[in-house]
Amino acid sequence: MNIVFTWNLGGNEAFLIGSFTKWSERLPMNKIGGNEFTLLKTLERGVHQYKFIVDGNWRFASDQPTMRDGQGNINNFIDTTHYASSSAPS
């Protein structure tokens, strides 16, 4: 399913990174306004943790759900386990 990730807390450059990239691949986000960046990403069903790298600093968005990982870091998360399919039934 396609998920739109948004960072709207400013910066000059923003990337998305998370459990869905094994915390290794930085996905560049598109700047669409003065303070807003977006990225459309296809995710499998499940719980996914993520962060934003903004101007070189790892950040979480305070306006999105958060959880602590096993090391005590605060990450954003999205649970797509029960998302309805966006395709119409045949």
Protein backbone atom coordinates (compact mmCIF):
# COMPACT_ATOMS: atom_id res chain seq x y z
CA MET A 1 0.00 0.00 0.00
CA ASN A 2 1.14 3.54 -0.74
CA ILE A 3 1.79 5.78 2.24
CA VAL A 4 2.53 9.51 2.10
CA PHE A 5 5.17 10.53 4.64
CA THR A 6 5.31 14.21 5.56
CA TRP A 7 7.83 16.37 7.38
CA ASN A 8 6.52 19.90 7.96
CA LEU A 9 8.98 21.27 10.50
CA GLY A 10 11.32 23.02 8.07
CA GLY A 11 14.84 22.47 6.85
CA ASN A 12 16.70 22.67 3.58
CA GLU A 13 17.02 18.93 2.90
CA ALA A 14 15.06 15.96 4.28
CA PHE A 15 15.33 12.20 3.98
CA LEU A 16 13.16 9.35 5.28
CA ILE A 17 14.78 6.29 6.87
CA GLY A 18 13.22 3.42 8.76
CA SER A 19 12.72 -0.24 9.50
CA PHE A 20 11.41 -0.67 5.93
CA THR A 21 14.89 0.30 4.62
CA LYS A 22 16.68 -1.66 7.38
CA TRP A 23 17.73 1.78 8.72
CA SER A 24 20.38 2.00 6.00
CA GLU A 25 18.88 3.62 2.88
CA ARG A 26 18.09 7.34 3.08
CA LEU A 27 15.11 8.12 0.85
CA PRO A 28 15.17 11.74 -0.43
CA MET A 29 11.99 13.70 0.25
CA ASN A 30 10.47 16.29 -2.09
CA LYS A 31 10.23 19.86 -0.84
CA ILE A 32 6.75 21.12 -1.71
CA GLY A 33 6.57 24.34 0.25
CA GLY A 34 8.43 26.57 2.65
CA ASN A 35 8.57 24.03 5.49
CA GLU A 36 7.05 20.86 4.02
CA PHE A 37 8.59 17.74 2.51
CA THR A 38 6.75 14.64 1.30
CA LEU A 39 7.53 11.15 0.03
CA LEU A 40 5.25 8.44 -1.32
CA LYS A 41 6.46 4.98 -0.23
CA THR A 42 4.95 1.54 -0.77
CA LEU A 43 4.89 -0.49 2.47
CA GLU A 44 3.92 -4.04 3.35
CA ARG A 45 1.32 -4.62 6.07
CA GLY A 46 2.76 -4.35 9.57
CA VAL A 47 4.22 -1.90 12.07
CA HIS A 48 6.98 0.27 10.63
CA GLN A 49 9.26 2.62 12.56
CA TYR A 50 10.86 5.60 10.85
CA LYS A 51 12.72 8.86 11.34
CA PHE A 52 13.59 11.88 9.28
CA ILE A 53 17.11 13.11 8.59
CA VAL A 54 16.80 16.87 8.27
CA ASP A 55 19.88 18.91 7.39
CA GLY A 56 22.03 16.02 8.63
CA ASN A 57 20.23 15.54 11.96
CA TRP A 58 18.11 12.50 12.87
CA ARG A 59 14.67 13.77 13.98
CA PHE A 60 11.23 12.46 14.80
CA ALA A 61 8.07 14.41 14.01
CA SER A 62 6.29 15.45 17.21
CA ASP A 63 2.96 15.69 15.35
CA GLN A 64 3.04 11.97 14.36
CA PRO A 65 2.73 8.83 16.53
CA THR A 66 5.93 7.85 18.37
CA MET A 67 7.33 4.82 20.15
CA ARG A 68 10.63 3.88 21.81
CA ASP A 69 12.78 1.23 20.21
CA GLY A 70 14.83 -1.38 22.09
CA GLN A 71 17.69 1.11 22.56
CA GLY A 72 15.41 3.81 23.99
CA ASN A 73 15.39 5.99 20.86
CA ILE A 74 12.15 7.78 20.01
CA ASN A 75 10.93 6.93 16.51
CA ASN A 76 7.78 7.67 14.59
CA PHE A 77 5.72 4.66 13.59
CA ILE A 78 2.86 3.64 11.35
CA ASP A 79 0.74 0.51 11.73
CA THR A 80 -0.57 -0.65 8.35
CA THR A 81 -1.78 -4.02 9.64
CA HIS A 82 -5.46 -3.20 9.26
CA TYR A 83 -5.37 -0.74 6.36
CA ALA A 84 -8.12 -1.39 3.83
CA SER A 85 -7.06 -2.10 0.28
CA SER A 86 -7.33 0.93 -2.00
CA SER A 87 -8.40 -1.20 -4.95
CA ALA A 88 -12.05 -1.78 -5.68
CA PRO A 89 -13.38 -5.35 -5.41
CA SER A 90 -13.97 -7.20 -8.67
